[in-house]
Protein backbone atom coordinates (compact mmCIF):
# COMPACT_ATOMS: atom_id res chain seq x y z
CA MET A 1 6.50 -18.46 14.19
CA LEU A 2 9.04 -15.37 13.51
CA ALA A 3 11.28 -14.61 16.80
CA ALA A 4 14.70 -12.66 17.46
CA PRO A 5 16.34 -14.40 20.71
CA ALA A 6 19.20 -11.36 20.25
CA LEU A 7 16.21 -8.96 21.78
CA SER A 8 16.06 -11.77 24.96
CA GLY A 9 16.05 -9.16 27.53
CA ARG A 10 15.35 -5.91 26.03
CA ARG A 11 13.14 -3.33 26.69
CA PHE A 12 10.71 -1.87 24.12
CA ALA A 13 7.96 0.18 23.80
CA VAL A 14 4.84 -0.19 21.61
CA TYR A 15 2.67 2.29 20.94
CA GLY A 16 -0.54 1.47 18.71
CA LEU A 17 -2.50 -1.73 19.66
CA ALA A 18 -4.35 -2.45 16.54
CA ARG A 19 -3.41 -5.53 14.53
CA THR A 20 0.26 -4.93 13.35
CA GLY A 21 0.83 -3.65 17.49
CA LEU A 22 0.27 -7.13 18.82
CA SER A 23 1.73 -8.76 16.24
CA VAL A 24 4.60 -7.00 17.33
CA LEU A 25 3.75 -7.40 21.38
CA ARG A 26 3.60 -11.50 20.46
CA PHE A 27 6.97 -11.48 18.18
CA LEU A 28 8.64 -9.38 21.17
CA ALA A 29 7.07 -12.36 23.89
CA ARG A 30 8.43 -15.05 22.11
CA SER A 31 12.29 -13.13 21.40
CA GLY A 32 12.17 -12.60 25.15
CA ALA A 33 11.96 -8.97 25.21
CA VAL A 34 10.01 -7.20 27.80
CA ALA A 35 7.62 -4.98 26.25
CA VAL A 36 5.28 -1.57 27.60
CA ALA A 37 2.58 -0.44 26.02
CA TRP A 38 -0.12 1.92 25.14
CA ASP A 39 -2.75 2.88 22.26
CA ASP A 40 -5.26 6.25 22.76
CA SER A 41 -7.83 4.33 22.31
CA ALA A 42 -9.37 2.58 25.23
CA ASP A 43 -10.70 -0.44 23.15
CA ALA A 44 -7.78 -1.28 21.48
CA ARG A 45 -6.19 -1.05 24.92
CA ALA A 46 -8.56 -3.49 26.48
CA THR A 47 -8.29 -5.54 23.72
CA ALA A 48 -4.63 -5.85 24.15
CA ALA A 49 -4.74 -6.43 28.45
CA ALA A 50 -7.30 -9.00 27.61
CA ALA A 51 -4.54 -11.30 24.98
CA PHE A 52 -1.37 -9.66 27.65
CA PRO A 53 -2.53 -10.30 30.75
CA ASN A 54 0.85 -9.14 32.97
CA LEU A 55 1.34 -6.74 29.93
CA PRO A 56 2.25 -3.00 31.52
CA LEU A 57 -0.08 0.02 30.01
CA GLU A 58 1.49 2.75 30.50
CA ASP A 59 0.17 6.26 28.86
CA PHE A 60 3.35 7.26 26.70
CA ALA A 61 2.96 11.00 27.15
CA THR A 62 4.33 10.94 30.96
CA LEU A 63 5.95 6.92 29.68
CA ASP A 64 10.07 7.52 31.47
CA LEU A 65 12.10 6.44 28.59
CA ALA A 66 15.44 5.81 30.29
CA GLY A 67 16.18 2.43 29.86
CA VAL A 68 14.34 1.76 26.23
CA ASP A 69 15.68 0.06 23.95
CA GLY A 70 13.53 0.86 21.13
CA ILE A 71 9.87 2.40 20.21
CA VAL A 72 8.09 0.46 17.79
CA VAL A 73 5.42 2.53 16.80
CA SER A 74 2.11 2.05 14.09
CA PRO A 75 2.91 3.81 10.37
CA GLY A 76 0.59 5.82 11.18
CA VAL A 77 2.06 7.98 13.65
CA PRO A 78 3.36 10.85 12.21
CA LEU A 79 6.80 11.44 12.94
CA ASN A 80 6.68 14.87 12.24
CA ARG A 81 4.56 16.43 14.54
CA HIS A 82 3.73 13.93 16.89
CA PRO A 83 4.81 14.70 20.27
CA LEU A 84 6.20 11.35 21.33
CA ALA A 85 8.37 10.93 17.67
CA ALA A 86 9.85 14.34 19.50
CA ARG A 87 10.53 13.12 22.97
CA ALA A 88 12.24 10.22 21.53
CA ARG A 89 14.79 12.08 19.41
CA LYS A 90 14.93 13.96 22.72
CA ALA A 91 15.97 10.72 24.39
CA GLY A 92 18.02 9.33 22.07
CA VAL A 93 15.63 5.82 21.60
CA ALA A 94 15.44 4.77 18.49
CA LEU A 95 11.84 4.82 17.00
CA LEU A 96 11.17 1.32 14.62
CA GLY A 97 8.61 -0.48 12.92
CA ASP A 98 7.46 -4.03 12.26
CA LEU A 99 9.52 -4.39 9.42
CA GLU A 100 12.72 -3.44 11.53
CA LEU A 101 11.73 -6.14 13.54
CA PHE A 102 11.82 -8.38 10.98
CA GLN A 103 15.34 -7.68 9.79
CA MET A 104 16.54 -8.34 13.36
CA ALA A 105 14.89 -11.51 13.23
CA ARG A 106 16.53 -13.26 9.35
CA ALA A 107 20.05 -13.40 10.93
CA LYS A 108 17.94 -17.02 12.28
CA LEU A 109 15.75 -17.94 9.49
CA PRO A 110 17.09 -20.29 6.59
CA PRO A 111 18.55 -18.74 3.49
CA HIS A 112 16.01 -16.39 1.59
CA ARG A 113 15.70 -13.55 -0.38
CA LEU A 114 13.63 -10.32 0.39
CA VAL A 115 11.85 -8.40 -2.30
CA GLY A 116 11.27 -4.76 -1.05
CA ILE A 117 8.11 -3.12 -2.87
CA THR A 118 7.52 0.61 -2.98
CA GLY A 119 6.00 3.61 -4.44
CA THR A 120 3.37 6.17 -4.82
CA ASN A 121 1.15 3.97 -6.36
CA GLY A 122 0.62 0.36 -7.86
CA LYS A 123 2.84 -0.79 -4.68
CA SER A 124 -0.34 -3.44 -3.61
CA THR A 125 -0.57 -4.49 -7.13
CA THR A 126 2.96 -5.10 -8.15
CA THR A 127 3.41 -6.89 -5.12
CA ALA A 128 0.49 -9.22 -5.34
CA LEU A 129 1.46 -9.65 -8.69
CA LEU A 130 5.37 -11.12 -7.66
CA HIS A 131 3.66 -12.84 -5.95
CA HIS A 132 1.34 -14.99 -7.32
CA LEU A 133 4.11 -15.29 -10.66
CA LEU A 134 6.42 -17.21 -7.69
CA ALA A 135 4.15 -19.49 -6.69
CA ALA A 136 2.66 -19.99 -10.12
CA ALA A 137 6.25 -20.91 -11.01
CA GLY A 138 6.66 -23.70 -8.20
CA MET A 139 8.41 -21.63 -6.14
CA VAL A 140 7.98 -20.60 -2.14
CA ALA A 141 6.86 -17.18 -1.65
CA ARG A 142 5.62 -15.24 1.35
CA LEU A 143 3.67 -11.92 0.84
CA GLY A 144 3.72 -9.20 3.95
CA GLY A 145 4.40 -6.13 4.62
CA ASN A 146 1.63 -3.12 3.82
CA ILE A 147 -0.39 -6.27 2.80
CA GLY A 148 -2.17 -9.36 4.07
CA LEU A 149 -0.79 -10.42 7.63
CA PRO A 150 1.41 -8.71 9.67
CA ILE A 151 5.04 -10.28 8.74
CA LEU A 152 5.80 -11.20 12.32
CA ASP A 153 2.94 -13.22 12.39
CA GLN A 154 4.18 -15.77 9.94
CA ALA A 155 5.77 -18.57 9.74
CA PRO A 156 9.49 -18.58 8.49
CA LEU A 157 10.25 -20.04 5.02
CA PRO A 158 12.43 -22.67 4.49
CA ALA A 159 15.33 -22.64 3.11
CA GLY A 160 14.88 -20.80 -0.47
CA GLY A 161 12.01 -19.27 0.28
CA ILE A 162 11.57 -15.31 -1.05
CA TYR A 163 9.70 -12.71 1.55
CA VAL A 164 7.36 -10.15 -0.64
CA LEU A 165 6.85 -6.91 0.88
CA GLU A 166 4.94 -4.38 0.31
CA LEU A 167 6.53 -1.15 1.88
CA SER A 168 4.71 2.74 2.10
CA SER A 169 7.34 5.65 3.24
CA TYR A 170 5.46 5.43 6.67
CA GLN A 171 7.14 1.76 7.12
CA ILE A 172 10.69 2.80 5.19
CA ASP A 173 10.98 5.38 7.83
CA LEU A 174 10.75 3.56 10.61
CA CYS A 175 13.36 1.23 9.44
CA THR A 176 17.28 1.48 9.65
CA SER A 177 18.53 -1.43 8.31
CA LEU A 178 15.89 -3.57 6.20
CA ALA A 179 18.35 -5.21 3.81
CA CYS A 180 16.21 -6.21 0.27
CA ASP A 181 17.94 -8.31 -1.59
CA ILE A 182 15.82 -6.64 -4.87
CA ALA A 183 14.22 -2.95 -4.47
CA ILE A 184 11.33 -2.08 -6.45
CA TYR A 185 10.28 1.30 -7.13
CA THR A 186 7.08 1.83 -9.16
CA ASN A 187 6.15 5.35 -9.34
CA LEU A 188 6.14 8.58 -7.23
CA THR A 189 3.50 11.44 -7.18
CA PRO A 190 2.36 14.47 -4.95
CA ASP A 191 0.91 12.61 -1.50
CA HIS A 192 1.58 12.03 1.78
CA LEU A 193 2.66 16.01 1.88
CA ASP A 194 1.16 16.36 4.94
CA ARG A 195 3.88 14.16 6.29
CA TYR A 196 7.15 15.21 4.66
CA ASP A 197 8.92 18.49 3.74
CA GLY A 198 7.06 18.48 0.38
CA ILE A 199 7.61 15.72 -2.72
CA ALA A 200 11.73 16.00 -2.58
CA GLY A 201 11.03 14.90 0.93
CA TYR A 202 8.48 12.47 0.24
CA ALA A 203 11.07 10.58 -2.43
CA ALA A 204 13.89 11.05 -0.12
CA ALA A 205 12.01 8.89 2.33
CA LYS A 206 11.32 6.21 -0.67
CA GLU A 207 14.87 6.33 -1.74
CA ARG A 208 16.17 5.24 1.69
CA LEU A 209 14.96 1.59 0.64
CA PHE A 210 18.16 1.29 -2.16
CA ALA A 211 20.16 3.36 0.66
CA MET A 212 20.04 -0.17 3.08
CA GLN A 213 20.49 -2.34 0.22
CA PRO A 214 24.04 -4.22 0.66
CA PRO A 215 26.33 -3.99 -2.14
CA GLY A 216 25.32 -6.33 -5.00
CA ALA A 217 21.09 -6.31 -4.35
CA GLN A 218 19.21 -5.15 -7.44
CA ALA A 219 17.06 -2.40 -7.67
CA VAL A 220 14.08 -2.34 -10.13
CA ILE A 221 13.16 1.19 -11.55
CA ALA A 222 10.54 1.77 -14.02
CA THR A 223 11.90 5.32 -15.03
CA ASP A 224 8.14 6.79 -16.20
CA ASP A 225 8.58 10.14 -13.92
CA GLU A 226 11.24 12.47 -13.19
CA TRP A 227 11.40 11.66 -9.71
CA THR A 228 12.00 7.83 -9.95
CA ARG A 229 14.26 8.70 -12.97
CA GLY A 230 16.39 11.00 -10.96
CA ALA A 231 16.18 7.79 -7.92
CA ALA A 232 17.58 5.46 -11.28
CA ALA A 233 20.75 8.07 -11.59
CA ARG A 234 21.23 8.54 -7.75
CA LEU A 235 21.88 4.73 -6.84
CA PRO A 236 24.45 3.86 -4.10
CA GLU A 237 27.31 2.46 -5.63
CA GLY A 238 27.42 -1.41 -5.68
CA ILE A 239 23.33 -1.55 -6.11
CA GLN A 240 22.58 -3.17 -9.72
CA LEU A 241 20.26 -1.33 -11.48
CA THR A 242 17.23 -2.29 -13.91
CA ARG A 243 15.56 0.02 -15.75
CA VAL A 244 11.75 -0.59 -16.97
CA SER A 245 8.93 1.13 -18.61
CA ALA A 246 5.20 0.93 -18.68
CA ALA A 247 5.92 1.00 -22.49
CA ASP A 248 7.58 -1.92 -22.13
CA ILE A 249 4.69 -3.86 -22.54
CA ALA A 250 2.61 -4.29 -25.64
CA LEU A 251 -0.70 -3.68 -25.84
CA HIS A 252 -1.80 -7.19 -27.58
CA ASP A 253 0.31 -9.11 -24.48
CA GLN A 254 -1.49 -7.50 -22.20
CA ALA A 255 -4.55 -7.95 -23.79
CA ARG A 256 -4.42 -11.34 -22.92
CA TRP A 257 -3.90 -10.64 -19.25
CA PRO A 258 -7.99 -10.27 -17.90
CA ALA A 259 -6.35 -8.56 -14.23
CA LEU A 260 -4.37 -6.84 -15.54
CA GLN A 261 -5.96 -4.04 -18.07
CA GLY A 262 -4.89 -0.29 -18.56
CA PRO A 263 -1.74 1.31 -18.56
CA HIS A 264 -0.91 1.79 -15.12
CA ASN A 265 -1.33 -2.38 -15.21
CA ALA A 266 1.18 -1.94 -17.82
CA GLN A 267 4.17 -0.55 -15.47
CA ASN A 268 3.30 -3.21 -12.57
CA VAL A 269 3.56 -5.84 -14.83
CA ALA A 270 6.92 -4.06 -16.26
CA CYS A 271 8.08 -3.92 -12.56
CA ALA A 272 7.02 -7.51 -11.25
CA ALA A 273 8.38 -9.73 -14.66
CA ALA A 274 11.59 -7.56 -14.12
CA ALA A 275 11.86 -8.90 -10.31
CA ALA A 276 10.80 -12.10 -11.06
CA ARG A 277 13.32 -12.88 -14.13
CA LEU A 278 15.67 -12.23 -11.67
CA LEU A 279 14.83 -14.61 -9.15
CA GLY A 280 14.56 -17.46 -12.23
CA VAL A 281 11.05 -17.61 -13.21
CA GLY A 282 11.18 -18.49 -16.99
CA GLU A 283 8.98 -17.07 -19.36
CA GLN A 284 6.59 -19.48 -20.09
CA ALA A 285 5.80 -19.67 -16.01
CA MET A 286 5.57 -15.98 -16.53
CA GLU A 287 2.79 -16.12 -19.26
CA ALA A 288 0.53 -18.50 -17.26
CA GLY A 289 1.30 -16.55 -14.23
CA LEU A 290 0.11 -13.18 -15.72
CA ARG A 291 -2.76 -14.88 -17.27
CA SER A 292 -4.04 -16.37 -14.11
CA PHE A 293 -3.16 -13.71 -11.97
CA PRO A 294 -7.05 -12.70 -10.21
CA GLY A 295 -6.47 -8.90 -9.17
CA LEU A 296 -6.79 -7.22 -6.29
CA ALA A 297 -9.63 -6.23 -3.96
CA HIS A 298 -10.31 -2.94 -4.22
CA ARG A 299 -8.50 -2.07 -7.41
CA MET A 300 -9.82 -2.19 -10.87
CA GLU A 301 -12.25 -5.03 -8.92
CA ILE A 302 -15.17 -6.05 -10.58
CA VAL A 303 -17.73 -6.63 -8.46
CA ALA A 304 -20.71 -7.43 -10.72
CA GLU A 305 -22.67 -7.08 -14.03
CA ILE A 306 -26.28 -6.04 -13.77
CA ALA A 307 -28.35 -5.25 -16.94
CA GLY A 308 -25.20 -4.80 -18.62
CA VAL A 309 -23.96 -2.33 -16.59
CA ARG A 310 -20.18 -2.74 -15.05
CA TYR A 311 -19.67 -1.85 -11.45
CA VAL A 312 -16.05 -1.43 -10.54
CA ASN A 313 -15.06 -0.93 -7.09
CA ASP A 314 -10.93 0.96 -7.29
CA SER A 315 -11.36 2.15 -3.53
CA LYS A 316 -7.73 1.94 -3.23
CA ALA A 317 -7.51 4.34 -5.72
CA THR A 318 -6.70 7.38 -3.27
CA ASN A 319 -5.05 10.17 -5.30
CA PRO A 320 -5.94 12.18 -8.74
CA THR A 321 -3.06 9.98 -10.04
CA SER A 322 -3.98 6.76 -9.48
CA VAL A 323 -7.75 7.23 -10.27
CA ALA A 324 -6.88 8.60 -13.87
CA PRO A 325 -5.58 5.39 -15.47
CA ALA A 326 -9.06 3.66 -14.56
CA LEU A 327 -10.73 6.66 -16.21
CA GLN A 328 -9.16 5.57 -19.65
CA ALA A 329 -10.02 1.41 -18.80
CA TYR A 330 -13.77 2.36 -19.66
CA PRO A 331 -15.88 4.33 -22.76
CA ALA A 332 -18.08 5.18 -20.47
CA VAL A 333 -18.14 6.16 -16.94
CA HIS A 334 -20.32 7.12 -13.97
CA TRP A 335 -17.97 8.13 -11.87
CA ILE A 336 -17.74 8.46 -8.34
CA LEU A 337 -15.61 10.05 -5.83
CA GLY A 338 -14.63 12.17 -2.77
CA GLY A 339 -13.91 11.54 0.70
CA LYS A 340 -10.78 12.91 2.48
CA ALA A 341 -9.06 15.18 -0.25
CA LYS A 342 -4.63 14.67 -0.08
CA SER A 343 -4.65 17.57 -2.76
CA PRO A 344 -7.12 20.42 -3.56
CA ASP A 345 -7.01 19.61 -7.50
CA LEU A 346 -8.35 16.45 -9.93
CA ASP A 347 -5.36 17.81 -12.80
CA ALA A 348 -4.32 14.49 -13.30
CA CYS A 349 -8.37 13.10 -14.08
CA LEU A 350 -9.14 16.14 -16.22
CA PRO A 351 -7.66 14.90 -19.41
CA TRP A 352 -9.70 11.59 -19.09
CA LEU A 353 -13.35 13.29 -18.95
CA GLY A 354 -13.86 12.73 -22.42
CA SER A 355 -15.11 8.82 -21.01
CA VAL A 356 -17.26 10.61 -18.04
CA LYS A 357 -21.06 10.41 -18.78
CA ALA A 358 -21.32 11.84 -15.09
CA ALA A 359 -19.14 12.71 -11.74
CA TYR A 360 -21.26 11.95 -8.38
CA VAL A 361 -19.65 13.42 -5.22
CA ILE A 362 -19.07 12.17 -2.36
CA GLY A 363 -17.96 13.12 2.04
CA GLU A 364 -15.52 15.89 2.78
CA SER A 365 -14.16 17.25 -0.43
CA GLY A 366 -17.40 16.50 -2.25
CA PRO A 367 -18.18 20.44 -2.39
CA MET A 368 -15.05 21.17 -3.51
CA PHE A 369 -14.88 18.60 -5.92
CA ALA A 370 -18.34 19.49 -7.81
CA ASP A 371 -17.31 23.26 -8.41
CA ILE A 372 -13.91 21.59 -10.26
CA LEU A 373 -16.16 19.46 -12.04
CA LYS A 374 -18.96 21.05 -12.98
CA PRO A 375 -17.87 23.49 -15.73
CA LEU A 376 -16.95 20.08 -17.39
CA VAL A 377 -19.34 17.42 -16.66
CA PRO A 378 -22.66 16.44 -14.95
CA VAL A 379 -22.13 16.25 -11.48
CA VAL A 380 -24.98 15.20 -8.73
CA GLU A 381 -24.09 15.80 -5.36
CA ALA A 382 -24.89 12.88 -3.54
CA GLY A 383 -23.13 13.07 -0.21
CA THR A 384 -23.06 9.34 0.74
CA LEU A 385 -21.70 6.40 -1.51
CA ASP A 386 -25.00 4.86 -1.19
CA ARG A 387 -26.87 7.82 -2.36
CA ALA A 388 -24.15 7.74 -5.51
CA VAL A 389 -24.61 4.06 -6.13
CA ASP A 390 -28.36 4.49 -6.13
CA ALA A 391 -27.56 7.75 -8.42
CA ALA A 392 -25.20 6.02 -10.57
CA ALA A 393 -27.24 2.89 -11.65
CA ALA A 394 -30.93 4.45 -11.85
CA ALA A 395 -28.91 6.80 -14.88
CA ALA A 396 -26.66 4.13 -16.67
CA VAL A 397 -27.25 1.99 -19.23
CA GLN A 398 -26.27 -0.59 -21.09
CA GLY A 399 -22.33 -0.56 -22.08
CA ASP A 400 -21.81 1.64 -19.39
CA THR A 401 -19.69 1.07 -16.14
CA VAL A 402 -20.01 2.47 -12.48
CA LEU A 403 -17.22 3.47 -11.21
CA LEU A 404 -15.65 4.36 -7.53
CA SER A 405 -12.14 5.69 -7.77
CA PRO A 406 -12.69 8.02 -4.69
CA ALA A 407 -9.05 10.01 -5.76
CA CYS A 408 -9.89 10.39 -1.81
CA ALA A 409 -8.59 8.91 1.59
CA SER A 410 -11.70 7.95 3.40
CA PHE A 411 -11.47 8.64 6.90
CA ASP A 412 -14.30 11.18 6.88
CA GLN A 413 -16.63 8.53 6.14
CA PHE A 414 -14.88 4.82 6.63
CA ARG A 415 -12.12 3.18 8.68
CA ASP A 416 -9.84 2.90 5.31
CA PHE A 417 -10.76 2.37 1.90
CA GLU A 418 -11.40 -1.22 2.43
CA ALA A 419 -14.23 -0.24 4.90
CA ARG A 420 -15.16 2.06 1.90
CA GLY A 421 -14.75 -0.86 -0.78
CA ALA A 422 -16.77 -3.40 1.16
CA ALA A 423 -19.36 -0.83 1.29
CA PHE A 424 -19.73 -0.34 -2.52
CA ARG A 425 -19.75 -3.83 -2.86
CA ASP A 426 -23.15 -4.15 -0.47
CA ALA A 427 -24.61 -1.39 -2.57
CA VAL A 428 -23.99 -3.43 -5.53
CA ARG A 429 -25.23 -6.33 -4.10
CA ARG A 430 -28.78 -4.16 -2.96
CA ILE A 431 -29.16 -3.31 -6.27
CA ALA A 432 -28.51 -6.57 -7.42
CA ALA A 433 -30.98 -8.46 -5.05
């Protein structure tokens, strides 16, 4: 497992004791560091206490920050308004994430390369696809960051290995020195604006990934929107740029890759393929990898086909811009949407309503979205996911698609988008039974 001997004897405060927080505690213990920890959840504290019997648990609202070398926080902690962030800034204590700790461990790892992938939409698919292309070409690669197992719990790669990390803006905010050999930027659309000073602040957070790269490193940027084009124009001196676009991928080529259909996947392929070429993947291996890519759970995932009706789990589509490609991918859609809205509109989806036979709204945003959609398409105010699936299944006919593509976060009714997608799968299985 990874460790950073340079941290031996240093003292860290760890805030947030879910899966990533526990991996941080294990990493610090292996590194010889000292930790104090807290989570607002009593259950999380009990889990940590059972795993680390000698771990001091102290409420960080009153924790003396003197002598603390860094505070390691979950990416979910809103740095723009959480009291701990303000206290840390006043005390001059660095706020860190697990990926900054990974960077601290890199000096002792066998020679390797690091690829970081960010963007509003498509970064999970691009990350998984690049990892698959490398593995299919016989290269040793490891997946981590905002996808898969916490990187600090993974074994070091042998010499020549490639770490492929999905990076949210929240994770980038908690890094000061994460130095990617290749940084990929897929796109930028309005999202997470409760955490940033408008979309310009959100864009600046993404662009910090390039600022941390060493001279001679590579940037792969899909310059299909104004924000990514601006980032390409503002790259730090010494960073080598590869521009890509969804338009680089021909439709007749895309038709050969079953799990990579739709215009959004054209951009994902353009980004991943460009990075794979920079890492030495040849064209024959590239084509084989694109054909064999299995797709990503909860992103345009075909769950079942029942009586000629396709059921698609796109739970990871948590904003309207990420839903639009799904609406374009199928000709006759029963669209299930709603949850905790990130924006008060569905503007990015409206041009593609020609394929929507009916919309089924759920969750906190259901009434708001119903008001938007009722003048345009038939709307069923289902309220819950189970009722929406039942209603859509009853209305769908052979050739139709029942599509969960919520355009919202899940936190009003589900723990996360994965739990929401799993509930959709369960509801479909119940119909099939």
